[in-house]
């Protein structure tokens, strides 16, 4: 009981004895008190001093006499003192917690600022488009265009025209399906007339724009551009994006140049890409997104190729296509 305040069981025993026999509180009877407790006079003197410090013993108006206070008073005072000490500790704890919270918040803010220098996240198509409009490249713009089936092509509203007119190097890789859309050829002619470069490939892996070799913009979800975009400024990420871009750029063909077109083959490059995706386990929905065509077009390609090789299902189509050397 109250041991944390220094009131041990032994001191309680001394206090109890003094309450029962208050006459032992006279200094002249210290030897007798020590005998009752079974200890030395020095130890008893030390016990009495501790009880005085705790407020359990007070001096009487008679010299050389002290008496123990009533327990209801002493324990009440002790409890009140302990409550004050606890409140002080709680106050110190709250102060320490606030200081710890400030420290943690400052560190988190520092880490966030350091992180946001390398990454920006824009949720939703509108915020992503607004951020794209704030880029003002002065050296280069490289990118993959991943057009979905609903994408329209209008050279009059081409957003990169101001960059091209300022002499910024412009390299874009378009999927083959984009080339077949109304207005696409006019757009390509416009880009070429302003000094830009374009390559056509069967499909692109995801939408990617690289500004000045310093910032790489890509979708949060490569399969759904409406989710938003992530802007990477980290040199390591931008370098990887550049390497990926160049690997696809080197495999593309330039429109309007017959000598750059692939040799005639029994299937088109779009059909070859369909087969490649097929043998890698892509679903019809994934194939449509990768090729930038509708589900109806995907099914039409599958039906045409299946009829051409005499296949009755997707698996057999993949096997027969491999036998003919259409799939690497």
C-alpha atoms as a PDB file:
ATOM      1  CA  UNK A   1       0.000   0.000   0.000  1.00  0.00           C
ATOM      2  CA  UNK A   2       1.552   3.291  -1.199  1.00  0.00           C
ATOM      3  CA  UNK A   3       4.907   1.577  -1.534  1.00  0.00           C
ATOM      4  CA  UNK A   4       5.641   3.687  -4.607  1.00  0.00           C
ATOM      5  CA  UNK A   5       5.440   6.713  -2.283  1.00  0.00           C
ATOM      6  CA  UNK A   6       7.957   5.141   0.105  1.00  0.00           C
ATOM      7  CA  UNK A   7       5.466   3.758   2.636  1.00  0.00           C
ATOM      8  CA  UNK A   8       6.736   0.183   3.074  1.00  0.00           C
ATOM      9  CA  UNK A   9       5.113  -2.608   5.081  1.00  0.00           C
ATOM     10  CA  UNK A  10       7.787  -2.118   7.745  1.00  0.00           C
ATOM     11  CA  UNK A  11       7.007   1.584   8.120  1.00  0.00           C
ATOM     12  CA  UNK A  12       3.316   0.739   8.318  1.00  0.00           C
ATOM     13  CA  UNK A  13       4.141  -1.619  11.197  1.00  0.00           C
ATOM     14  CA  UNK A  14       6.014   1.188  13.011  1.00  0.00           C
ATOM     15  CA  UNK A  15       3.124   3.587  12.369  1.00  0.00           C
ATOM     16  CA  UNK A  16       0.576   1.010  13.602  1.00  0.00           C
ATOM     17  CA  UNK A  17       2.550   0.458  16.822  1.00  0.00           C
ATOM     18  CA  UNK A  18       2.700   4.207  17.487  1.00  0.00           C
ATOM     19  CA  UNK A  19      -1.050   4.502  16.915  1.00  0.00           C
ATOM     20  CA  UNK A  20      -1.682   1.669  19.365  1.00  0.00           C
ATOM     21  CA  UNK A  21       0.854   2.913  21.944  1.00  0.00           C
ATOM     22  CA  UNK A  22       1.282   6.671  21.425  1.00  0.00           C
ATOM     23  CA  UNK A  23       3.393   6.953  24.610  1.00  0.00           C
ATOM     24  CA  UNK A  24       6.273   5.341  22.681  1.00  0.00           C
ATOM     25  CA  UNK A  25       6.494   8.528  20.653  1.00  0.00           C
ATOM     26  CA  UNK A  26       8.428  10.216  23.454  1.00  0.00           C
ATOM     27  CA  UNK A  27      12.112  10.591  22.670  1.00  0.00           C
ATOM     28  CA  UNK A  28      12.928   9.279  26.115  1.00  0.00           C
ATOM     29  CA  UNK A  29      11.356   5.959  25.226  1.00  0.00           C
ATOM     30  CA  UNK A  30      13.183   5.447  21.911  1.00  0.00           C
ATOM     31  CA  UNK A  31      15.002   2.415  23.348  1.00  0.00           C
ATOM     32  CA  UNK A  32      11.703   0.839  24.349  1.00  0.00           C
ATOM     33  CA  UNK A  33      10.227   1.495  20.894  1.00  0.00           C
ATOM     34  CA  UNK A  34      13.258  -0.089  19.251  1.00  0.00           C
ATOM     35  CA  UNK A  35      12.885  -3.104  21.557  1.00  0.00           C
ATOM     36  CA  UNK A  36       9.244  -3.510  20.575  1.00  0.00           C
ATOM     37  CA  UNK A  37      10.234  -3.449  16.904  1.00  0.00           C
ATOM     38  CA  UNK A  38      13.164  -5.792  17.466  1.00  0.00           C
ATOM     39  CA  UNK A  39      15.741  -3.529  15.855  1.00  0.00           C
ATOM     40  CA  UNK A  40      18.479  -1.104  16.780  1.00  0.00           C
ATOM     41  CA  UNK A  41      17.956   2.451  17.986  1.00  0.00           C
ATOM     42  CA  UNK A  42      19.628   3.831  14.834  1.00  0.00           C
ATOM     43  CA  UNK A  43      17.281   1.862  12.569  1.00  0.00           C
ATOM     44  CA  UNK A  44      14.294   3.033  14.601  1.00  0.00           C
ATOM     45  CA  UNK A  45      15.473   6.665  14.402  1.00  0.00           C
ATOM     46  CA  UNK A  46      15.718   6.278  10.602  1.00  0.00           C
ATOM     47  CA  UNK A  47      12.160   4.861  10.461  1.00  0.00           C
ATOM     48  CA  UNK A  48      10.791   7.761  12.488  1.00  0.00           C
ATOM     49  CA  UNK A  49      12.504  10.253  10.190  1.00  0.00           C
ATOM     50  CA  UNK A  50      10.848   8.650   7.126  1.00  0.00           C
ATOM     51  CA  UNK A  51       7.442   8.803   8.821  1.00  0.00           C
ATOM     52  CA  UNK A  52       8.018  12.506   9.542  1.00  0.00           C
ATOM     53  CA  UNK A  53       8.869  13.106   5.857  1.00  0.00           C
ATOM     54  CA  UNK A  54       5.641  11.372   4.874  1.00  0.00           C
ATOM     55  CA  UNK A  55       3.676  13.502   7.354  1.00  0.00           C
ATOM     56  CA  UNK A  56       2.657  10.569   9.549  1.00  0.00           C
ATOM     57  CA  UNK A  57       4.388  11.951  12.685  1.00  0.00           C
ATOM     58  CA  UNK A  58       4.165  15.522  13.972  1.00  0.00           C
ATOM     59  CA  UNK A  59       5.703  17.323  16.939  1.00  0.00           C
ATOM     60  CA  UNK A  60       3.504  17.860  20.008  1.00  0.00           C
ATOM     61  CA  UNK A  61       3.389  21.157  21.897  1.00  0.00           C
ATOM     62  CA  UNK A  62       5.190  19.237  24.629  1.00  0.00           C
ATOM     63  CA  UNK A  63       8.942  19.254  23.965  1.00  0.00           C
ATOM     64  CA  UNK A  64      10.404  15.848  23.146  1.00  0.00           C
ATOM     65  CA  UNK A  65       7.047  14.355  22.302  1.00  0.00           C
ATOM     66  CA  UNK A  66       5.607  13.571  18.857  1.00  0.00           C
ATOM     67  CA  UNK A  67       2.490  11.682  17.950  1.00  0.00           C
ATOM     68  CA  UNK A  68       1.096   9.881  14.916  1.00  0.00           C
ATOM     69  CA  UNK A  69      -1.664  11.603  12.968  1.00  0.00           C
ATOM     70  CA  UNK A  70      -5.026   9.953  12.395  1.00  0.00           C
ATOM     71  CA  UNK A  71      -4.897   7.460   9.444  1.00  0.00           C
ATOM     72  CA  UNK A  72      -7.847   9.068   7.655  1.00  0.00           C
ATOM     73  CA  UNK A  73      -5.864  12.305   7.533  1.00  0.00           C
ATOM     74  CA  UNK A  74      -2.446  10.874   6.743  1.00  0.00           C
ATOM     75  CA  UNK A  75      -3.595   8.537   3.973  1.00  0.00           C
ATOM     76  CA  UNK A  76      -5.768  11.288   2.491  1.00  0.00           C
ATOM     77  CA  UNK A  77      -2.814  13.664   2.355  1.00  0.00           C
ATOM     78  CA  UNK A  78      -0.599  10.954   0.906  1.00  0.00           C
ATOM     79  CA  UNK A  79      -3.189  10.124  -1.763  1.00  0.00           C
ATOM     80  CA  UNK A  80      -3.559  13.821  -2.632  1.00  0.00           C
ATOM     81  CA  UNK A  81       0.214  14.199  -2.901  1.00  0.00           C
ATOM     82  CA  UNK A  82       0.407  11.139  -5.154  1.00  0.00           C
ATOM     83  CA  UNK A  83      -2.399  12.517  -7.346  1.00  0.00           C
ATOM     84  CA  UNK A  84      -0.449  15.749  -7.761  1.00  0.00           C
ATOM     85  CA  UNK A  85       2.675  13.806  -8.660  1.00  0.00           C
ATOM     86  CA  UNK A  86       0.727  11.682 -11.150  1.00  0.00           C
ATOM     87  CA  UNK A  87      -0.855  14.786 -12.683  1.00  0.00           C
ATOM     88  CA  UNK A  88       2.596  16.315 -13.019  1.00  0.00           C
ATOM     89  CA  UNK A  89       3.847  13.130 -14.688  1.00  0.00           C
ATOM     90  CA  UNK A  90       0.819  13.107 -17.004  1.00  0.00           C
ATOM     91  CA  UNK A  91       1.479  16.725 -17.910  1.00  0.00           C
ATOM     92  CA  UNK A  92       5.110  15.935 -18.643  1.00  0.00           C
ATOM     93  CA  UNK A  93       4.014  12.893 -20.646  1.00  0.00           C
ATOM     94  CA  UNK A  94       1.587  14.982 -22.699  1.00  0.00           C
ATOM     95  CA  UNK A  95       4.299  17.550 -23.300  1.00  0.00           C
ATOM     96  CA  UNK A  96       6.736  14.820 -24.329  1.00  0.00           C
ATOM     97  CA  UNK A  97       4.098  13.269 -26.601  1.00  0.00           C
ATOM     98  CA  UNK A  98       3.456  16.602 -28.295  1.00  0.00           C
ATOM     99  CA  UNK A  99       7.180  17.048 -28.822  1.00  0.00           C
ATOM    100  CA  UNK A 100       7.404  13.508 -30.209  1.00  0.00           C
ATOM    101  CA  UNK A 101       4.439  14.166 -32.521  1.00  0.00           C
ATOM    102  CA  UNK A 102       6.060  17.369 -33.781  1.00  0.00           C
ATOM    103  CA  UNK A 103       9.310  15.517 -34.380  1.00  0.00           C
ATOM    104  CA  UNK A 104       7.499  12.726 -36.236  1.00  0.00           C
ATOM    105  CA  UNK A 105       5.474  15.212 -38.288  1.00  0.00           C
ATOM    106  CA  UNK A 106       8.591  17.201 -39.190  1.00  0.00           C
ATOM    107  CA  UNK A 107      10.353  14.024 -40.296  1.00  0.00           C
ATOM    108  CA  UNK A 108       7.311  12.846 -42.281  1.00  0.00           C
ATOM    109  CA  UNK A 109       7.064  16.265 -43.933  1.00  0.00           C
ATOM    110  CA  UNK A 110      10.759  16.141 -44.814  1.00  0.00           C
ATOM    111  CA  UNK A 111      10.410  12.651 -46.271  1.00  0.00           C
ATOM    112  CA  UNK A 112       7.257  13.673 -48.150  1.00  0.00           C
ATOM    113  CA  UNK A 113       8.972  16.713 -49.622  1.00  0.00           C
ATOM    114  CA  UNK A 114      11.938  14.590 -50.630  1.00  0.00           C
ATOM    115  CA  UNK A 115       9.608  11.956 -52.132  1.00  0.00           C
ATOM    116  CA  UNK A 116       7.416  14.440 -53.980  1.00  0.00           C
ATOM    117  CA  UNK A 117      10.492  15.822 -55.665  1.00  0.00           C
ATOM    118  CA  UNK A 118      10.734  12.449 -57.406  1.00  0.00           C
ATOM    119  CA  UNK A 119       7.061  11.453 -57.745  1.00  0.00           C
ATOM    120  CA  UNK A 120       3.805  13.302 -58.415  1.00  0.00           C
ATOM    121  CA  UNK A 121       0.472  11.475 -58.364  1.00  0.00           C
ATOM    122  CA  UNK A 122      -2.631  12.861 -60.067  1.00  0.00           C
ATOM    123  CA  UNK A 123      -5.813  10.872 -59.576  1.00  0.00           C
ATOM    124  CA  UNK A 124      -8.404  11.110 -62.336  1.00  0.00           C
ATOM    125  CA  UNK A 125      -8.134  11.976 -66.011  1.00  0.00           C
ATOM    126  CA  UNK A 126      -8.838  15.708 -65.531  1.00  0.00           C
ATOM    127  CA  UNK A 127      -6.059  16.312 -62.993  1.00  0.00           C
ATOM    128  CA  UNK A 128      -3.644  14.284 -65.106  1.00  0.00           C
ATOM    129  CA  UNK A 129      -4.468  16.342 -68.220  1.00  0.00           C
ATOM    130  CA  UNK A 130      -4.059  19.590 -66.298  1.00  0.00           C
ATOM    131  CA  UNK A 131      -0.601  18.518 -65.144  1.00  0.00           C
ATOM    132  CA  UNK A 132       0.375  17.517 -68.691  1.00  0.00           C
ATOM    133  CA  UNK A 133      -0.516  21.009 -69.908  1.00  0.00           C
ATOM    134  CA  UNK A 134       1.936  22.546 -67.431  1.00  0.00           C
ATOM    135  CA  UNK A 135       4.925  20.810 -69.023  1.00  0.00           C
ATOM    136  CA  UNK A 136       6.956  23.182 -71.184  1.00  0.00           C
ATOM    137  CA  UNK A 137       9.746  21.079 -72.741  1.00  0.00           C
ATOM    138  CA  UNK A 138      12.622  22.851 -74.477  1.00  0.00           C
ATOM    139  CA  UNK A 139      14.578  19.852 -75.790  1.00  0.00           C
ATOM    140  CA  UNK A 140      12.551  16.714 -76.454  1.00  0.00           C
ATOM    141  CA  UNK A 141       9.236  14.899 -76.127  1.00  0.00           C
ATOM    142  CA  UNK A 142       9.234  11.112 -76.550  1.00  0.00           C
ATOM    143  CA  UNK A 143       6.174   8.979 -76.042  1.00  0.00           C
ATOM    144  CA  UNK A 144       3.972   5.969 -76.569  1.00  0.00           C
ATOM    145  CA  UNK A 145       0.380   6.662 -77.616  1.00  0.00           C
ATOM    146  CA  UNK A 146      -2.020   3.966 -76.422  1.00  0.00           C
ATOM    147  CA  UNK A 147      -5.274   4.787 -78.185  1.00  0.00           C
ATOM    148  CA  UNK A 148      -8.451   3.118 -77.055  1.00  0.00           C
ATOM    149  CA  UNK A 149     -11.274   2.327 -79.417  1.00  0.00           C
ATOM    150  CA  UNK A 150     -13.059   5.609 -78.696  1.00  0.00           C
ATOM    151  CA  UNK A 151     -10.063   7.871 -79.371  1.00  0.00           C
ATOM    152  CA  UNK A 152     -10.634  10.511 -82.036  1.00  0.00           C
ATOM    153  CA  UNK A 153      -7.873  12.011 -84.171  1.00  0.00           C
ATOM    154  CA  UNK A 154      -8.050  15.734 -84.967  1.00  0.00           C
ATOM    155  CA  UNK A 155      -4.911  17.460 -86.321  1.00  0.00           C
ATOM    156  CA  UNK A 156      -6.484  20.860 -85.613  1.00  0.00           C
ATOM    157  CA  UNK A 157      -6.421  20.277 -81.858  1.00  0.00           C
ATOM    158  CA  UNK A 158      -3.069  18.487 -81.710  1.00  0.00           C
ATOM    159  CA  UNK A 159      -1.746  19.558 -78.250  1.00  0.00           C
ATOM    160  CA  UNK A 160       1.967  19.164 -79.077  1.00  0.00           C
ATOM    161  CA  UNK A 161       1.950  21.510 -82.061  1.00  0.00           C
ATOM    162  CA  UNK A 162       3.354  24.488 -80.037  1.00  0.00           C
ATOM    163  CA  UNK A 163       6.305  22.327 -78.939  1.00  0.00           C
ATOM    164  CA  UNK A 164       7.018  21.255 -82.511  1.00  0.00           C
ATOM    165  CA  UNK A 165       6.855  24.824 -83.761  1.00  0.00           C
ATOM    166  CA  UNK A 166       9.466  25.808 -81.155  1.00  0.00           C
ATOM    167  CA  UNK A 167      11.833  23.178 -82.539  1.00  0.00           C
ATOM    168  CA  UNK A 168      11.478  20.625 -79.742  1.00  0.00           C
ATOM    169  CA  UNK A 169      12.555  17.124 -80.818  1.00  0.00           C
ATOM    170  CA  UNK A 170       9.381  15.070 -81.176  1.00  0.00           C
ATOM    171  CA  UNK A 171       9.322  11.263 -81.295  1.00  0.00           C
ATOM    172  CA  UNK A 172       6.090   9.321 -80.850  1.00  0.00           C
ATOM    173  CA  UNK A 173       5.334   5.626 -81.252  1.00  0.00           C
ATOM    174  CA  UNK A 174       1.762   4.842 -82.335  1.00  0.00           C
ATOM    175  CA  UNK A 175       0.020   1.457 -82.453  1.00  0.00           C
ATOM    176  CA  UNK A 176      -0.938   0.207 -85.896  1.00  0.00           C
ATOM    177  CA  UNK A 177      -4.643   0.573 -85.097  1.00  0.00           C
ATOM    178  CA  UNK A 178      -4.170   4.328 -84.603  1.00  0.00           C
ATOM    179  CA  UNK A 179      -2.817   4.665 -88.126  1.00  0.00           C
ATOM    180  CA  UNK A 180      -6.083   3.328 -89.555  1.00  0.00           C
ATOM    181  CA  UNK A 181      -8.323   5.930 -87.908  1.00  0.00           C
ATOM    182  CA  UNK A 182      -9.884   8.849 -89.801  1.00  0.00           C
ATOM    183  CA  UNK A 183      -7.588  11.865 -89.593  1.00  0.00           C
ATOM    184  CA  UNK A 184      -4.504   9.870 -88.577  1.00  0.00           C
ATOM    185  CA  UNK A 185      -2.708  10.358 -91.903  1.00  0.00           C
ATOM    186  CA  UNK A 186      -3.350  14.098 -91.774  1.00  0.00           C
ATOM    187  CA  UNK A 187      -1.914  14.152 -88.261  1.00  0.00           C
ATOM    188  CA  UNK A 188       1.205  12.279 -89.368  1.00  0.00           C
ATOM    189  CA  UNK A 189       1.708  14.711 -92.277  1.00  0.00           C
ATOM    190  CA  UNK A 190       1.403  17.624 -89.867  1.00  0.00           C
ATOM    191  CA  UNK A 191       3.967  16.117 -87.492  1.00  0.00           C
ATOM    192  CA  UNK A 192       6.413  15.450 -90.351  1.00  0.00           C
ATOM    193  CA  UNK A 193       5.953  18.943 -91.777  1.00  0.00           C
ATOM    194  CA  UNK A 194       6.924  20.445 -88.422  1.00  0.00           C
ATOM    195  CA  UNK A 195      10.012  18.262 -88.071  1.00  0.00           C
ATOM    196  CA  UNK A 196       8.598  15.566 -85.813  1.00  0.00           C
ATOM    197  CA  UNK A 197       9.195  11.838 -86.114  1.00  0.00           C
ATOM    198  CA  UNK A 198       6.692   8.995 -85.843  1.00  0.00           C
ATOM    199  CA  UNK A 199       7.008   5.222 -85.805  1.00  0.00           C
ATOM    200  CA  UNK A 200       4.264   2.618 -86.133  1.00  0.00           C
ATOM    201  CA  UNK A 201       4.296  -0.695 -84.197  1.00  0.00           C
ATOM    202  CA  UNK A 202       1.680  -3.442 -83.781  1.00  0.00           C
ATOM    203  CA  UNK A 203       0.983  -2.384 -80.180  1.00  0.00           C
ATOM    204  CA  UNK A 204       2.447  -0.337 -77.318  1.00  0.00           C
ATOM    205  CA  UNK A 205       2.715  -1.642 -73.725  1.00  0.00           C
ATOM    206  CA  UNK A 206       1.231   1.441 -72.030  1.00  0.00           C
ATOM    207  CA  UNK A 207       0.944   5.199 -72.368  1.00  0.00           C
ATOM    208  CA  UNK A 208       4.248   6.975 -71.693  1.00  0.00           C
ATOM    209  CA  UNK A 209       5.516  10.526 -72.242  1.00  0.00           C
ATOM    210  CA  UNK A 210       9.122  11.585 -71.520  1.00  0.00           C
ATOM    211  CA  UNK A 211       9.865  15.319 -71.302  1.00  0.00           C
ATOM    212  CA  UNK A 212      13.437  16.560 -71.858  1.00  0.00           C
ATOM    213  CA  UNK A 213      14.823  13.271 -70.548  1.00  0.00           C
ATOM    214  CA  UNK A 214      13.954  14.500 -67.043  1.00  0.00           C
ATOM    215  CA  UNK A 215      10.341  13.506 -66.371  1.00  0.00           C
ATOM    216  CA  UNK A 216       8.447  10.346 -67.328  1.00  0.00           C
ATOM    217  CA  UNK A 217       4.641  10.357 -67.209  1.00  0.00           C
ATOM    218  CA  UNK A 218       2.708   7.092 -67.162  1.00  0.00           C
ATOM    219  CA  UNK A 219      -0.692   5.893 -66.030  1.00  0.00           C
ATOM    220  CA  UNK A 220      -1.419   4.800 -62.467  1.00  0.00           C
ATOM    221  CA  UNK A 221      -3.192   1.826 -64.044  1.00  0.00           C
ATOM    222  CA  UNK A 222      -1.698   0.912 -67.459  1.00  0.00           C
ATOM    223  CA  UNK A 223      -5.004  -0.705 -68.418  1.00  0.00           C
ATOM    224  CA  UNK A 224      -7.214   2.298 -67.540  1.00  0.00           C
ATOM    225  CA  UNK A 225      -6.083   5.852 -68.319  1.00  0.00           C
ATOM    226  CA  UNK A 226      -9.067   7.345 -66.461  1.00  0.00           C
ATOM    227  CA  UNK A 227      -7.534   6.376 -63.098  1.00  0.00           C
ATOM    228  CA  UNK A 228      -4.890   9.087 -63.379  1.00  0.00           C
ATOM    229  CA  UNK A 229      -1.172   9.532 -63.944  1.00  0.00           C
ATOM    230  CA  UNK A 230       2.159   9.357 -62.137  1.00  0.00           C
ATOM    231  CA  UNK A 231       5.014  11.743 -62.952  1.00  0.00           C
ATOM    232  CA  UNK A 232       8.462  10.305 -62.196  1.00  0.00           C
ATOM    233  CA  UNK A 233      11.442  12.645 -61.868  1.00  0.00           C
ATOM    234  CA  UNK A 234      13.900  10.065 -60.544  1.00  0.00           C
ATOM    235  CA  UNK A 235      16.812   9.738 -62.953  1.00  0.00           C
ATOM    236  CA  UNK A 236      16.813   5.941 -62.580  1.00  0.00           C
ATOM    237  CA  UNK A 237      13.126   5.640 -63.543  1.00  0.00           C
ATOM    238  CA  UNK A 238      13.433   8.120 -66.414  1.00  0.00           C
ATOM    239  CA  UNK A 239      16.473   6.241 -67.740  1.00  0.00           C
ATOM    240  CA  UNK A 240      14.563   2.943 -67.742  1.00  0.00           C
ATOM    241  CA  UNK A 241      11.665   4.639 -69.525  1.00  0.00           C
ATOM    242  CA  UNK A 242      14.056   5.961 -72.182  1.00  0.00           C
ATOM    243  CA  UNK A 243      15.579   2.514 -72.727  1.00  0.00           C
ATOM    244  CA  UNK A 244      12.099   0.987 -73.121  1.00  0.00           C
ATOM    245  CA  UNK A 245      11.094   3.710 -75.546  1.00  0.00           C
ATOM    246  CA  UNK A 246      14.189   3.301 -77.715  1.00  0.00           C
ATOM    247  CA  UNK A 247      13.806  -0.485 -77.849  1.00  0.00           C
ATOM    248  CA  UNK A 248      10.300  -0.102 -79.289  1.00  0.00           C
ATOM    249  CA  UNK A 249      11.275   2.870 -81.449  1.00  0.00           C
ATOM    250  CA  UNK A 250      13.981   0.837 -83.167  1.00  0.00           C
ATOM    251  CA  UNK A 251      11.444  -1.871 -84.081  1.00  0.00           C
ATOM    252  CA  UNK A 252       8.868   0.545 -85.501  1.00  0.00           C
ATOM    253  CA  UNK A 253       8.368   1.646 -89.107  1.00  0.00           C
ATOM    254  CA  UNK A 254       7.991   5.170 -90.398  1.00  0.00           C
ATOM    255  CA  UNK A 255       4.741   5.958 -92.232  1.00  0.00           C
ATOM    256  CA  UNK A 256       4.796   6.974 -95.907  1.00  0.00           C
ATOM    257  CA  UNK A 257       8.112   5.228 -96.576  1.00  0.00           C
ATOM    258  CA  UNK A 258       7.515   2.076 -98.590  1.00  0.00           C
ATOM    259  CA  UNK A 259      11.084   0.847 -98.162  1.00  0.00           C
ATOM    260  CA  UNK A 260      10.614   0.876 -94.398  1.00  0.00           C
ATOM    261  CA  UNK A 261       7.502  -1.298 -94.467  1.00  0.00           C
ATOM    262  CA  UNK A 262       7.889  -4.936 -93.415  1.00  0.00           C
ATOM    263  CA  UNK A 263       8.066  -7.557 -96.182  1.00  0.00           C
ATOM    264  CA  UNK A 264       4.839  -9.097 -97.394  1.00  0.00           C
ATOM    265  CA  UNK A 265       3.701 -11.994 -95.265  1.00  0.00           C
ATOM    266  CA  UNK A 266       0.692 -14.209 -95.022  1.00  0.00           C
ATOM    267  CA  UNK A 267      -0.569 -12.255 -91.993  1.00  0.00           C
ATOM    268  CA  UNK A 268      -0.405  -8.562 -91.103  1.00  0.00           C
ATOM    269  CA  UNK A 269       1.736  -7.136 -88.323  1.00  0.00           C
ATOM    270  CA  UNK A 270      -1.443  -6.508 -86.328  1.00  0.00           C
ATOM    271  CA  UNK A 271      -2.448 -10.151 -86.701  1.00  0.00           C
ATOM    272  CA  UNK A 272       1.068 -11.224 -85.691  1.00  0.00           C
ATOM    273  CA  UNK A 273       0.835  -9.101 -82.552  1.00  0.00           C
ATOM    274  CA  UNK A 274      -2.596 -10.605 -81.822  1.00  0.00           C
ATOM    275  CA  UNK A 275      -1.042 -14.091 -82.003  1.00  0.00           C
ATOM    276  CA  UNK A 276       1.874 -13.068 -79.778  1.00  0.00           C
ATOM    277  CA  UNK A 277      -0.490 -11.795 -77.125  1.00  0.00           C
ATOM    278  CA  UNK A 278      -2.653 -14.882 -77.534  1.00  0.00           C
ATOM    279  CA  UNK A 279       0.148 -17.371 -76.876  1.00  0.00           C
ATOM    280  CA  UNK A 280       1.208 -15.343 -73.818  1.00  0.00           C
ATOM    281  CA  UNK A 281      -2.218 -15.897 -72.285  1.00  0.00           C
ATOM    282  CA  UNK A 282      -3.828 -12.483 -72.838  1.00  0.00           C
ATOM    283  CA  UNK A 283      -7.622 -12.329 -72.724  1.00  0.00           C
ATOM    284  CA  UNK A 284      -9.665 -10.810 -75.543  1.00  0.00           C
ATOM    285  CA  UNK A 285     -10.157  -7.670 -73.428  1.00  0.00           C
ATOM    286  CA  UNK A 286      -6.416  -7.312 -72.838  1.00  0.00           C
ATOM    287  CA  UNK A 287      -5.682  -7.875 -76.535  1.00  0.00           C
ATOM    288  CA  UNK A 288      -8.207  -5.173 -77.483  1.00  0.00           C
ATOM    289  CA  UNK A 289      -6.560  -2.673 -75.119  1.00  0.00           C
ATOM    290  CA  UNK A 290      -3.053  -3.502 -76.306  1.00  0.00           C
ATOM    291  CA  UNK A 291      -3.970  -3.227 -79.991  1.00  0.00           C
ATOM    292  CA  UNK A 292      -6.215  -0.228 -79.431  1.00  0.00           C
ATOM    293  CA  UNK A 293      -9.170  -1.842 -81.188  1.00  0.00           C
ATOM    294  CA  UNK A 294     -12.683  -2.922 -80.278  1.00  0.00           C
ATOM    295  CA  UNK A 295     -13.690  -6.363 -79.031  1.00  0.00           C
ATOM    296  CA  UNK A 296     -15.494  -6.866 -82.306  1.00  0.00           C
ATOM    297  CA  UNK A 297     -12.233  -6.373 -84.219  1.00  0.00           C
ATOM    298  CA  UNK A 298     -10.420  -8.820 -81.935  1.00  0.00           C
ATOM    299  CA  UNK A 299     -13.049 -11.473 -82.567  1.00  0.00           C
ATOM    300  CA  UNK A 300     -12.901 -10.781 -86.296  1.00  0.00           C
ATOM    301  CA  UNK A 301      -9.106 -11.271 -86.327  1.00  0.00           C
ATOM    302  CA  UNK A 302      -9.451 -14.483 -84.308  1.00  0.00           C
ATOM    303  CA  UNK A 303     -12.122 -15.838 -86.652  1.00  0.00           C
ATOM    304  CA  UNK A 304     -10.117 -14.949 -89.774  1.00  0.00           C
ATOM    305  CA  UNK A 305      -6.918 -16.592 -88.535  1.00  0.00           C
ATOM    306  CA  UNK A 306      -8.759 -19.658 -87.185  1.00  0.00           C
ATOM    307  CA  UNK A 307     -10.402 -20.170 -90.574  1.00  0.00           C
ATOM    308  CA  UNK A 308      -7.085 -19.619 -92.325  1.00  0.00           C
ATOM    309  CA  UNK A 309      -5.298 -22.388 -90.363  1.00  0.00           C
ATOM    310  CA  UNK A 310      -8.326 -24.606 -89.708  1.00  0.00           C
ATOM    311  CA  UNK A 311      -8.296 -24.163 -85.914  1.00  0.00           C
ATOM    312  CA  UNK A 312     -11.353 -24.742 -83.747  1.00  0.00           C
ATOM    313  CA  UNK A 313     -10.226 -22.905 -80.613  1.00  0.00           C
ATOM    314  CA  UNK A 314      -7.725 -20.433 -79.142  1.00  0.00           C
ATOM    315  CA  UNK A 315      -5.242 -23.101 -78.056  1.00  0.00           C
ATOM    316  CA  UNK A 316      -5.260 -24.839 -81.431  1.00  0.00           C
ATOM    317  CA  UNK A 317      -4.909 -21.459 -83.163  1.00  0.00           C
ATOM    318  CA  UNK A 318      -1.767 -20.736 -81.160  1.00  0.00           C
ATOM    319  CA  UNK A 319      -0.283 -24.167 -81.953  1.00  0.00           C
ATOM    320  CA  UNK A 320      -0.993 -23.964 -85.670  1.00  0.00           C
ATOM    321  CA  UNK A 321       0.296 -20.386 -85.846  1.00  0.00           C
ATOM    322  CA  UNK A 322       3.565 -21.503 -84.216  1.00  0.00           C
ATOM    323  CA  UNK A 323       3.871 -24.373 -86.697  1.00  0.00           C
ATOM    324  CA  UNK A 324       3.638 -21.879 -89.555  1.00  0.00           C
ATOM    325  CA  UNK A 325       6.283 -19.634 -88.031  1.00  0.00           C
ATOM    326  CA  UNK A 326       3.859 -16.795 -87.325  1.00  0.00           C
ATOM    327  CA  UNK A 327       4.789 -16.727 -83.646  1.00  0.00           C
ATOM    328  CA  UNK A 328       8.360 -16.446 -82.400  1.00  0.00           C
END
